[in-house]
């Protein structure tokens, strides 16, 4: 029993001092804090962060996008995105489009969704948080986060496309 406790204490020390685990904890805490700030800002609009993510993508793409594209962009399961889109459609923020000869459903921003996103979603909390960084620090952070994101996507096989598919 005593030997096992000593072994666990060694492992505990190794884990506590592990730089990768400590970076992950810091990244996770930072993400949670930024997310909480954004959610607090959106609360008065009765909007959720996933809804704003969809509005952001649709606004940036300036074209109808497929549910698959939205699922990939938000890193959510197809069914979750479909449910989210159904709720947003009921609010009049997006509309579904079917194209002749195409089985895919496309999602487009409505005028109401565009007005809400561009005139009421200020993203002020994001600006207040990231304005603390210099231009160079923002570039460094972006580069590092993209490297971590891309490595993770690769490890998870999210961008894998079998060579036999077009």
N, C-alpha and C. Protein backbone atom coordinates (compact mmCIF):
# COMPACT_ATOMS: atom_id res chain seq x y z
N UNK A 1 0.81 -1.20 0.00
CA UNK A 1 0.00 0.00 0.00
C UNK A 1 0.86 1.27 0.00
N UNK A 2 1.89 1.27 0.85
CA UNK A 2 2.77 2.44 0.94
C UNK A 2 3.51 2.64 -0.39
N UNK A 3 3.95 1.53 -0.98
CA UNK A 3 4.65 1.61 -2.27
C UNK A 3 3.75 2.20 -3.35
N UNK A 4 2.49 1.81 -3.35
CA UNK A 4 1.53 2.33 -4.33
C UNK A 4 1.30 3.83 -4.15
N UNK A 5 1.21 4.29 -2.90
CA UNK A 5 1.03 5.72 -2.62
C UNK A 5 2.23 6.53 -3.10
N UNK A 6 3.42 5.99 -2.91
CA UNK A 6 4.63 6.67 -3.37
C UNK A 6 4.63 6.75 -4.90
N UNK A 7 4.23 5.66 -5.55
CA UNK A 7 4.14 5.62 -7.01
C UNK A 7 3.12 6.65 -7.52
N UNK A 8 1.97 6.71 -6.88
CA UNK A 8 0.93 7.68 -7.28
C UNK A 8 1.42 9.10 -7.07
N UNK A 9 2.14 9.37 -5.98
CA UNK A 9 2.68 10.70 -5.72
C UNK A 9 3.66 11.11 -6.81
N UNK A 10 4.49 10.18 -7.29
CA UNK A 10 5.43 10.47 -8.38
C UNK A 10 4.67 10.83 -9.65
N UNK A 11 3.64 10.03 -9.96
CA UNK A 11 2.83 10.28 -11.16
C UNK A 11 2.13 11.62 -11.03
N UNK A 12 1.62 11.91 -9.85
CA UNK A 12 0.92 13.18 -9.60
C UNK A 12 1.86 14.36 -9.86
N UNK A 13 3.10 14.25 -9.39
CA UNK A 13 4.09 15.32 -9.59
C UNK A 13 4.41 15.47 -11.07
N UNK A 14 4.60 14.35 -11.76
CA UNK A 14 4.89 14.39 -13.19
C UNK A 14 3.75 15.07 -13.95
N UNK A 15 2.50 14.70 -13.63
CA UNK A 15 1.35 15.30 -14.32
C UNK A 15 1.21 16.78 -13.99
N UNK A 16 1.44 17.14 -12.73
CA UNK A 16 1.31 18.54 -12.31
C UNK A 16 2.32 19.42 -13.04
N UNK A 17 3.51 18.87 -13.31
CA UNK A 17 4.58 19.65 -13.93
C UNK A 17 4.65 19.48 -15.44
N UNK A 18 3.74 18.73 -16.02
CA UNK A 18 3.75 18.46 -17.46
C UNK A 18 3.38 19.74 -18.22
N UNK A 19 4.30 20.27 -19.05
CA UNK A 19 4.01 21.54 -19.74
C UNK A 19 2.84 21.45 -20.72
N UNK A 20 2.65 20.30 -21.38
CA UNK A 20 1.53 20.18 -22.32
C UNK A 20 0.19 20.17 -21.58
N UNK A 21 0.13 19.44 -20.47
CA UNK A 21 -1.11 19.42 -19.70
C UNK A 21 -1.40 20.81 -19.14
N UNK A 22 -0.37 21.51 -18.68
CA UNK A 22 -0.58 22.86 -18.15
C UNK A 22 -1.02 23.83 -19.24
N UNK A 23 -0.49 23.67 -20.46
CA UNK A 23 -0.96 24.50 -21.58
C UNK A 23 -2.41 24.21 -21.90
N UNK A 24 -2.77 22.92 -21.90
CA UNK A 24 -4.16 22.55 -22.16
C UNK A 24 -5.09 23.16 -21.11
N UNK A 25 -4.71 23.08 -19.85
CA UNK A 25 -5.54 23.66 -18.78
C UNK A 25 -5.72 25.16 -19.00
N UNK A 26 -4.63 25.85 -19.33
CA UNK A 26 -4.70 27.29 -19.58
C UNK A 26 -5.59 27.60 -20.78
N UNK A 27 -5.43 26.85 -21.86
CA UNK A 27 -6.25 27.05 -23.06
C UNK A 27 -7.73 26.80 -22.74
N UNK A 28 -8.00 25.73 -22.01
CA UNK A 28 -9.37 25.38 -21.64
C UNK A 28 -10.01 26.46 -20.76
N UNK A 29 -9.27 26.95 -19.76
CA UNK A 29 -9.79 28.00 -18.89
C UNK A 29 -10.03 29.28 -19.69
N UNK A 30 -9.11 29.61 -20.57
CA UNK A 30 -9.24 30.82 -21.39
C UNK A 30 -10.46 30.72 -22.29
N UNK A 31 -10.60 29.57 -22.96
CA UNK A 31 -11.77 29.37 -23.82
C UNK A 31 -13.07 29.52 -23.03
N UNK A 32 -13.13 28.90 -21.86
CA UNK A 32 -14.33 28.98 -21.04
C UNK A 32 -14.64 30.41 -20.63
N UNK A 33 -13.61 31.16 -20.24
CA UNK A 33 -13.83 32.55 -19.82
C UNK A 33 -14.30 33.43 -20.98
N UNK A 34 -13.66 33.29 -22.13
CA UNK A 34 -14.07 34.08 -23.31
C UNK A 34 -15.49 33.69 -23.71
N UNK A 35 -15.79 32.39 -23.71
CA UNK A 35 -17.13 31.90 -24.04
C UNK A 35 -18.16 32.48 -23.08
N UNK A 36 -17.86 32.48 -21.79
CA UNK A 36 -18.79 33.02 -20.80
C UNK A 36 -19.03 34.51 -21.03
N UNK A 37 -17.99 35.25 -21.37
CA UNK A 37 -18.14 36.68 -21.64
C UNK A 37 -19.03 36.91 -22.85
N UNK A 38 -18.81 36.14 -23.91
CA UNK A 38 -19.62 36.27 -25.13
C UNK A 38 -21.07 35.88 -24.84
N UNK A 39 -21.28 34.79 -24.11
CA UNK A 39 -22.64 34.36 -23.79
C UNK A 39 -23.37 35.41 -22.96
N UNK A 40 -22.67 36.04 -22.03
CA UNK A 40 -23.28 37.10 -21.22
C UNK A 40 -23.70 38.27 -22.11
N UNK A 41 -22.84 38.61 -23.08
CA UNK A 41 -23.16 39.70 -24.01
C UNK A 41 -24.37 39.35 -24.87
N UNK A 42 -24.51 38.09 -25.27
CA UNK A 42 -25.60 37.67 -26.16
C UNK A 42 -26.93 37.46 -25.44
N UNK A 43 -26.86 37.33 -24.13
CA UNK A 43 -28.05 36.99 -23.34
C UNK A 43 -29.21 37.95 -23.60
N UNK A 44 -28.94 39.24 -23.66
CA UNK A 44 -30.01 40.23 -23.86
C UNK A 44 -30.67 40.11 -25.24
N UNK A 45 -29.96 39.49 -26.19
CA UNK A 45 -30.52 39.29 -27.53
C UNK A 45 -31.29 37.98 -27.63
N UNK A 46 -31.24 37.18 -26.56
CA UNK A 46 -31.82 35.84 -26.55
C UNK A 46 -31.23 34.99 -27.68
N UNK A 47 -29.92 35.15 -27.82
CA UNK A 47 -29.16 34.40 -28.82
C UNK A 47 -28.16 33.52 -28.09
N UNK A 48 -27.81 32.41 -28.73
CA UNK A 48 -26.77 31.54 -28.20
C UNK A 48 -25.53 31.65 -29.07
N UNK A 49 -24.41 31.22 -28.51
CA UNK A 49 -23.19 31.26 -29.28
C UNK A 49 -23.26 30.38 -30.52
N UNK A 50 -23.82 29.17 -30.45
CA UNK A 50 -23.95 28.38 -31.69
C UNK A 50 -24.76 29.10 -32.77
N UNK A 51 -25.82 29.81 -32.38
CA UNK A 51 -26.61 30.56 -33.36
C UNK A 51 -25.76 31.66 -34.01
N UNK A 52 -24.98 32.35 -33.20
CA UNK A 52 -24.13 33.42 -33.74
C UNK A 52 -23.04 32.84 -34.63
N UNK A 53 -22.53 31.65 -34.29
CA UNK A 53 -21.54 31.00 -35.16
C UNK A 53 -22.12 30.77 -36.54
N UNK A 54 -23.37 30.30 -36.60
CA UNK A 54 -24.02 30.05 -37.88
C UNK A 54 -24.21 31.37 -38.63
N UNK A 55 -24.70 32.40 -37.95
CA UNK A 55 -24.89 33.71 -38.59
C UNK A 55 -23.55 34.25 -39.10
N UNK A 56 -22.49 34.05 -38.32
CA UNK A 56 -21.16 34.51 -38.72
C UNK A 56 -20.72 33.83 -40.00
N UNK A 57 -20.86 32.52 -40.05
CA UNK A 57 -20.42 31.79 -41.24
C UNK A 57 -21.24 32.21 -42.47
N UNK A 58 -22.55 32.27 -42.30
CA UNK A 58 -23.40 32.64 -43.43
C UNK A 58 -23.08 34.06 -43.91
N UNK A 59 -22.78 34.95 -42.99
CA UNK A 59 -22.44 36.32 -43.36
C UNK A 59 -21.09 36.37 -44.07
N UNK A 60 -20.14 35.60 -43.59
CA UNK A 60 -18.81 35.61 -44.20
C UNK A 60 -18.80 34.96 -45.57
N UNK A 61 -19.57 33.90 -45.73
CA UNK A 61 -19.60 33.19 -47.01
C UNK A 61 -20.41 33.94 -48.05
N UNK A 62 -21.39 34.68 -47.61
CA UNK A 62 -22.23 35.46 -48.51
C UNK A 62 -22.85 34.60 -49.61
N UNK A 63 -23.15 33.35 -49.25
CA UNK A 63 -23.80 32.40 -50.16
C UNK A 63 -24.46 31.34 -49.29
N UNK A 64 -25.45 30.66 -49.81
CA UNK A 64 -26.03 29.54 -49.06
C UNK A 64 -24.98 28.44 -48.86
N UNK A 65 -24.97 27.85 -47.67
CA UNK A 65 -24.03 26.77 -47.37
C UNK A 65 -24.80 25.51 -46.99
N UNK A 66 -24.17 24.37 -47.14
CA UNK A 66 -24.83 23.11 -46.81
C UNK A 66 -24.76 22.85 -45.31
N UNK A 67 -25.63 21.96 -44.85
CA UNK A 67 -25.59 21.54 -43.45
C UNK A 67 -24.25 20.90 -43.12
N UNK A 68 -23.70 20.15 -44.07
CA UNK A 68 -22.38 19.53 -43.86
C UNK A 68 -21.30 20.60 -43.65
N UNK A 69 -21.34 21.65 -44.44
CA UNK A 69 -20.36 22.73 -44.28
C UNK A 69 -20.50 23.38 -42.90
N UNK A 70 -21.75 23.61 -42.47
CA UNK A 70 -21.98 24.19 -41.14
C UNK A 70 -21.49 23.26 -40.04
N UNK A 71 -21.74 21.97 -40.18
CA UNK A 71 -21.29 21.00 -39.18
C UNK A 71 -19.76 20.99 -39.10
N UNK A 72 -19.11 21.04 -40.24
CA UNK A 72 -17.65 21.06 -40.26
C UNK A 72 -17.11 22.34 -39.65
N UNK A 73 -17.72 23.46 -39.98
CA UNK A 73 -17.24 24.76 -39.50
C UNK A 73 -17.44 24.91 -38.00
N UNK A 74 -18.57 24.41 -37.49
CA UNK A 74 -18.86 24.54 -36.05
C UNK A 74 -18.31 23.38 -35.23
N UNK A 75 -17.81 22.34 -35.92
CA UNK A 75 -17.31 21.14 -35.26
C UNK A 75 -18.39 20.45 -34.43
N UNK A 76 -19.60 20.47 -34.95
CA UNK A 76 -20.74 19.82 -34.30
C UNK A 76 -21.24 18.68 -35.18
N UNK A 77 -21.95 17.77 -34.56
CA UNK A 77 -22.55 16.66 -35.30
C UNK A 77 -23.64 17.20 -36.23
N UNK A 78 -23.83 16.52 -37.34
CA UNK A 78 -24.81 16.92 -38.34
C UNK A 78 -26.20 17.09 -37.71
N UNK A 79 -26.61 16.12 -36.87
CA UNK A 79 -27.94 16.19 -36.25
C UNK A 79 -28.09 17.41 -35.35
N UNK A 80 -27.03 17.76 -34.62
CA UNK A 80 -27.07 18.94 -33.74
C UNK A 80 -27.24 20.21 -34.57
N UNK A 81 -26.50 20.28 -35.68
CA UNK A 81 -26.59 21.45 -36.55
C UNK A 81 -27.97 21.54 -37.18
N UNK A 82 -28.50 20.40 -37.58
CA UNK A 82 -29.84 20.37 -38.19
C UNK A 82 -30.89 20.87 -37.20
N UNK A 83 -30.80 20.44 -35.96
CA UNK A 83 -31.73 20.91 -34.92
C UNK A 83 -31.58 22.41 -34.70
N UNK A 84 -30.34 22.88 -34.64
CA UNK A 84 -30.07 24.31 -34.46
C UNK A 84 -30.66 25.12 -35.61
N UNK A 85 -30.48 24.65 -36.83
CA UNK A 85 -31.00 25.35 -38.01
C UNK A 85 -32.53 25.38 -37.97
N UNK A 86 -33.16 24.30 -37.55
CA UNK A 86 -34.62 24.28 -37.44
C UNK A 86 -35.11 25.35 -36.47
N UNK A 87 -34.43 25.50 -35.34
CA UNK A 87 -34.80 26.54 -34.36
C UNK A 87 -34.60 27.94 -34.94
N UNK A 88 -33.48 28.11 -35.63
CA UNK A 88 -33.18 29.42 -36.21
C UNK A 88 -34.15 29.75 -37.34
N UNK A 89 -34.59 28.74 -38.07
CA UNK A 89 -35.57 28.95 -39.14
C UNK A 89 -36.90 29.41 -38.53
N UNK A 90 -37.29 28.81 -37.41
CA UNK A 90 -38.54 29.21 -36.74
C UNK A 90 -38.47 30.66 -36.25
N UNK A 91 -37.28 31.12 -35.90
CA UNK A 91 -37.09 32.52 -35.47
C UNK A 91 -37.00 33.47 -36.67
N UNK A 92 -36.91 32.90 -37.88
CA UNK A 92 -36.82 33.72 -39.08
C UNK A 92 -35.42 34.23 -39.38
N UNK A 93 -34.40 33.59 -38.79
CA UNK A 93 -33.03 34.05 -38.97
C UNK A 93 -32.36 33.45 -40.20
N UNK A 94 -32.78 32.23 -40.57
CA UNK A 94 -32.24 31.54 -41.73
C UNK A 94 -33.37 30.89 -42.50
N UNK A 95 -33.07 30.50 -43.74
CA UNK A 95 -34.05 29.75 -44.51
C UNK A 95 -33.35 28.61 -45.21
N UNK A 96 -34.10 27.53 -45.41
CA UNK A 96 -33.56 26.36 -46.12
C UNK A 96 -33.88 26.49 -47.59
N UNK A 97 -32.94 26.05 -48.41
CA UNK A 97 -33.10 26.12 -49.86
C UNK A 97 -32.80 24.73 -50.43
N UNK A 98 -33.67 24.29 -51.32
CA UNK A 98 -33.44 23.06 -52.08
C UNK A 98 -33.19 23.47 -53.52
N UNK A 99 -32.15 22.92 -54.12
CA UNK A 99 -31.84 23.21 -55.52
C UNK A 99 -32.25 22.03 -56.37
N UNK A 100 -32.80 22.31 -57.53
CA UNK A 100 -33.23 21.25 -58.44
C UNK A 100 -32.09 20.28 -58.74
N UNK A 101 -32.38 18.99 -58.62
CA UNK A 101 -31.40 17.97 -58.94
C UNK A 101 -30.32 17.78 -57.88
N UNK A 102 -30.41 18.49 -56.78
CA UNK A 102 -29.41 18.40 -55.72
C UNK A 102 -30.11 17.93 -54.45
N UNK A 103 -29.62 16.87 -53.84
CA UNK A 103 -30.24 16.33 -52.64
C UNK A 103 -29.89 17.12 -51.39
N UNK A 104 -28.86 17.95 -51.47
CA UNK A 104 -28.41 18.70 -50.31
C UNK A 104 -29.37 19.84 -49.98
N UNK A 105 -29.43 20.15 -48.69
CA UNK A 105 -30.18 21.31 -48.23
C UNK A 105 -29.19 22.43 -47.97
N UNK A 106 -29.49 23.59 -48.50
CA UNK A 106 -28.63 24.76 -48.32
C UNK A 106 -29.29 25.70 -47.33
N UNK A 107 -28.47 26.40 -46.58
CA UNK A 107 -28.96 27.33 -45.57
C UNK A 107 -28.50 28.73 -45.96
N UNK A 108 -29.45 29.66 -45.94
CA UNK A 108 -29.15 31.05 -46.29
C UNK A 108 -29.59 31.97 -45.17
N UNK A 109 -28.92 33.07 -45.05
CA UNK A 109 -29.24 34.10 -44.08
C UNK A 109 -30.47 34.87 -44.58
N UNK A 110 -31.44 35.08 -43.71
CA UNK A 110 -32.59 35.91 -44.07
C UNK A 110 -32.24 37.37 -43.80
N UNK A 111 -33.09 38.26 -44.27
CA UNK A 111 -32.88 39.69 -44.00
C UNK A 111 -32.91 39.95 -42.49
N UNK A 112 -33.85 39.29 -41.79
CA UNK A 112 -33.93 39.43 -40.33
C UNK A 112 -32.65 38.94 -39.65
N UNK A 113 -32.13 37.79 -40.09
CA UNK A 113 -30.89 37.26 -39.54
C UNK A 113 -29.71 38.17 -39.82
N UNK A 114 -29.65 38.70 -41.03
CA UNK A 114 -28.57 39.61 -41.40
C UNK A 114 -28.65 40.90 -40.58
N UNK A 115 -29.85 41.47 -40.45
CA UNK A 115 -30.02 42.69 -39.65
C UNK A 115 -29.60 42.46 -38.20
N UNK A 116 -30.03 41.35 -37.63
CA UNK A 116 -29.69 41.03 -36.25
C UNK A 116 -28.18 40.90 -36.09
N UNK A 117 -27.57 40.12 -36.95
CA UNK A 117 -26.13 39.88 -36.84
C UNK A 117 -25.32 41.17 -37.03
N UNK A 118 -25.65 41.93 -38.06
CA UNK A 118 -24.84 43.11 -38.38
C UNK A 118 -25.13 44.33 -37.52
N UNK A 119 -26.34 44.43 -36.97
CA UNK A 119 -26.64 45.65 -36.21
C UNK A 119 -26.74 45.44 -34.71
N UNK A 120 -26.97 44.20 -34.24
CA UNK A 120 -27.14 44.01 -32.80
C UNK A 120 -26.07 43.14 -32.15
N UNK A 121 -25.50 42.22 -32.90
CA UNK A 121 -24.43 41.38 -32.34
C UNK A 121 -23.14 42.19 -32.46
N UNK A 122 -22.77 42.85 -31.36
CA UNK A 122 -21.64 43.78 -31.40
C UNK A 122 -20.29 43.10 -31.25
N UNK A 123 -20.25 41.95 -30.60
CA UNK A 123 -19.00 41.25 -30.32
C UNK A 123 -18.04 42.14 -29.53
N UNK A 124 -18.62 43.05 -28.74
CA UNK A 124 -17.82 43.99 -27.95
C UNK A 124 -16.93 43.26 -26.95
N UNK A 125 -17.45 42.20 -26.34
CA UNK A 125 -16.65 41.47 -25.35
C UNK A 125 -15.38 40.91 -26.01
N UNK A 126 -15.49 40.41 -27.22
CA UNK A 126 -14.33 39.86 -27.93
C UNK A 126 -13.30 40.96 -28.18
N UNK A 127 -13.78 42.13 -28.60
CA UNK A 127 -12.87 43.25 -28.86
C UNK A 127 -12.18 43.71 -27.58
N UNK A 128 -12.93 43.80 -26.49
CA UNK A 128 -12.34 44.23 -25.22
C UNK A 128 -11.27 43.24 -24.75
N UNK A 129 -11.50 41.97 -24.96
CA UNK A 129 -10.54 40.94 -24.53
C UNK A 129 -9.28 40.98 -25.41
N UNK A 130 -9.46 40.95 -26.72
CA UNK A 130 -8.31 40.83 -27.61
C UNK A 130 -7.60 42.15 -27.89
N UNK A 131 -8.21 43.28 -27.54
CA UNK A 131 -7.52 44.56 -27.69
C UNK A 131 -6.35 44.70 -26.74
N UNK A 132 -6.27 43.81 -25.77
CA UNK A 132 -5.14 43.80 -24.83
C UNK A 132 -3.86 43.30 -25.49
N UNK A 133 -4.00 42.67 -26.65
CA UNK A 133 -2.84 42.13 -27.36
C UNK A 133 -2.39 43.10 -28.44
N UNK A 134 -1.09 43.17 -28.64
CA UNK A 134 -0.55 43.99 -29.73
C UNK A 134 -0.85 43.28 -31.05
N UNK A 135 -0.63 44.00 -32.14
CA UNK A 135 -0.84 43.43 -33.47
C UNK A 135 0.05 42.19 -33.65
N UNK A 136 1.29 42.28 -33.23
CA UNK A 136 2.23 41.16 -33.35
C UNK A 136 1.80 40.00 -32.46
N UNK A 137 1.34 40.28 -31.25
CA UNK A 137 0.88 39.21 -30.35
C UNK A 137 -0.35 38.50 -30.94
N UNK A 138 -1.25 39.27 -31.55
CA UNK A 138 -2.42 38.66 -32.19
C UNK A 138 -2.00 37.73 -33.32
N UNK A 139 -1.02 38.15 -34.11
CA UNK A 139 -0.54 37.32 -35.21
C UNK A 139 0.11 36.05 -34.66
N UNK A 140 0.92 36.19 -33.62
CA UNK A 140 1.57 35.02 -33.01
C UNK A 140 0.53 34.06 -32.44
N UNK A 141 -0.45 34.60 -31.74
CA UNK A 141 -1.50 33.76 -31.15
C UNK A 141 -2.28 33.04 -32.26
N UNK A 142 -2.62 33.77 -33.31
CA UNK A 142 -3.34 33.16 -34.43
C UNK A 142 -2.54 32.02 -35.04
N UNK A 143 -1.26 32.27 -35.30
CA UNK A 143 -0.41 31.24 -35.90
C UNK A 143 -0.31 30.01 -35.01
N UNK A 144 -0.13 30.22 -33.72
CA UNK A 144 -0.01 29.10 -32.79
C UNK A 144 -1.32 28.33 -32.66
N UNK A 145 -2.43 29.05 -32.56
CA UNK A 145 -3.73 28.37 -32.45
C UNK A 145 -4.07 27.60 -33.72
N UNK A 146 -3.73 28.16 -34.87
CA UNK A 146 -3.97 27.45 -36.13
C UNK A 146 -3.13 26.18 -36.19
N UNK A 147 -1.91 26.25 -35.72
CA UNK A 147 -1.04 25.07 -35.70
C UNK A 147 -1.63 23.99 -34.80
N UNK A 148 -2.08 24.37 -33.62
CA UNK A 148 -2.68 23.41 -32.69
C UNK A 148 -3.98 22.86 -33.28
N UNK A 149 -4.82 23.74 -33.83
CA UNK A 149 -6.08 23.29 -34.43
C UNK A 149 -5.84 22.32 -35.58
N UNK A 150 -4.92 22.66 -36.47
CA UNK A 150 -4.65 21.81 -37.63
C UNK A 150 -4.06 20.47 -37.23
N UNK A 151 -3.18 20.47 -36.25
CA UNK A 151 -2.62 19.21 -35.75
C UNK A 151 -3.72 18.34 -35.17
N UNK A 152 -4.61 18.95 -34.41
CA UNK A 152 -5.71 18.20 -33.79
C UNK A 152 -6.65 17.65 -34.85
N UNK A 153 -7.00 18.45 -35.85
CA UNK A 153 -7.86 17.98 -36.94
C UNK A 153 -7.21 16.79 -37.64
N UNK A 154 -5.91 16.88 -37.87
CA UNK A 154 -5.20 15.79 -38.54
C UNK A 154 -5.20 14.53 -37.67
N UNK A 155 -4.90 14.68 -36.39
CA UNK A 155 -4.90 13.53 -35.48
C UNK A 155 -6.26 12.85 -35.40
N UNK A 156 -7.32 13.65 -35.50
CA UNK A 156 -8.68 13.12 -35.40
C UNK A 156 -9.21 12.65 -36.76
N UNK A 157 -8.44 12.88 -37.82
CA UNK A 157 -8.86 12.44 -39.15
C UNK A 157 -10.03 13.24 -39.70
N UNK A 158 -10.20 14.47 -39.23
CA UNK A 158 -11.35 15.28 -39.66
C UNK A 158 -11.26 15.72 -41.12
N UNK A 159 -10.07 15.80 -41.65
CA UNK A 159 -9.91 16.26 -43.03
C UNK A 159 -9.55 15.12 -43.97
N UNK A 160 -9.63 13.89 -43.46
CA UNK A 160 -9.28 12.74 -44.29
C UNK A 160 -10.33 12.55 -45.38
N UNK A 161 -9.84 12.39 -46.59
CA UNK A 161 -10.71 12.11 -47.72
C UNK A 161 -10.12 10.90 -48.43
N UNK A 162 -10.86 9.80 -48.49
CA UNK A 162 -10.33 8.62 -49.18
C UNK A 162 -9.94 8.97 -50.61
N UNK A 163 -8.84 8.43 -51.07
CA UNK A 163 -8.33 8.78 -52.41
C UNK A 163 -9.27 8.37 -53.55
N UNK A 164 -10.22 7.50 -53.28
CA UNK A 164 -11.12 7.05 -54.33
C UNK A 164 -12.37 7.93 -54.46
N UNK A 165 -12.51 8.94 -53.58
CA UNK A 165 -13.66 9.86 -53.69
C UNK A 165 -13.28 11.09 -54.48
N UNK A 166 -14.25 11.63 -55.22
CA UNK A 166 -13.93 12.83 -56.03
C UNK A 166 -13.72 14.05 -55.15
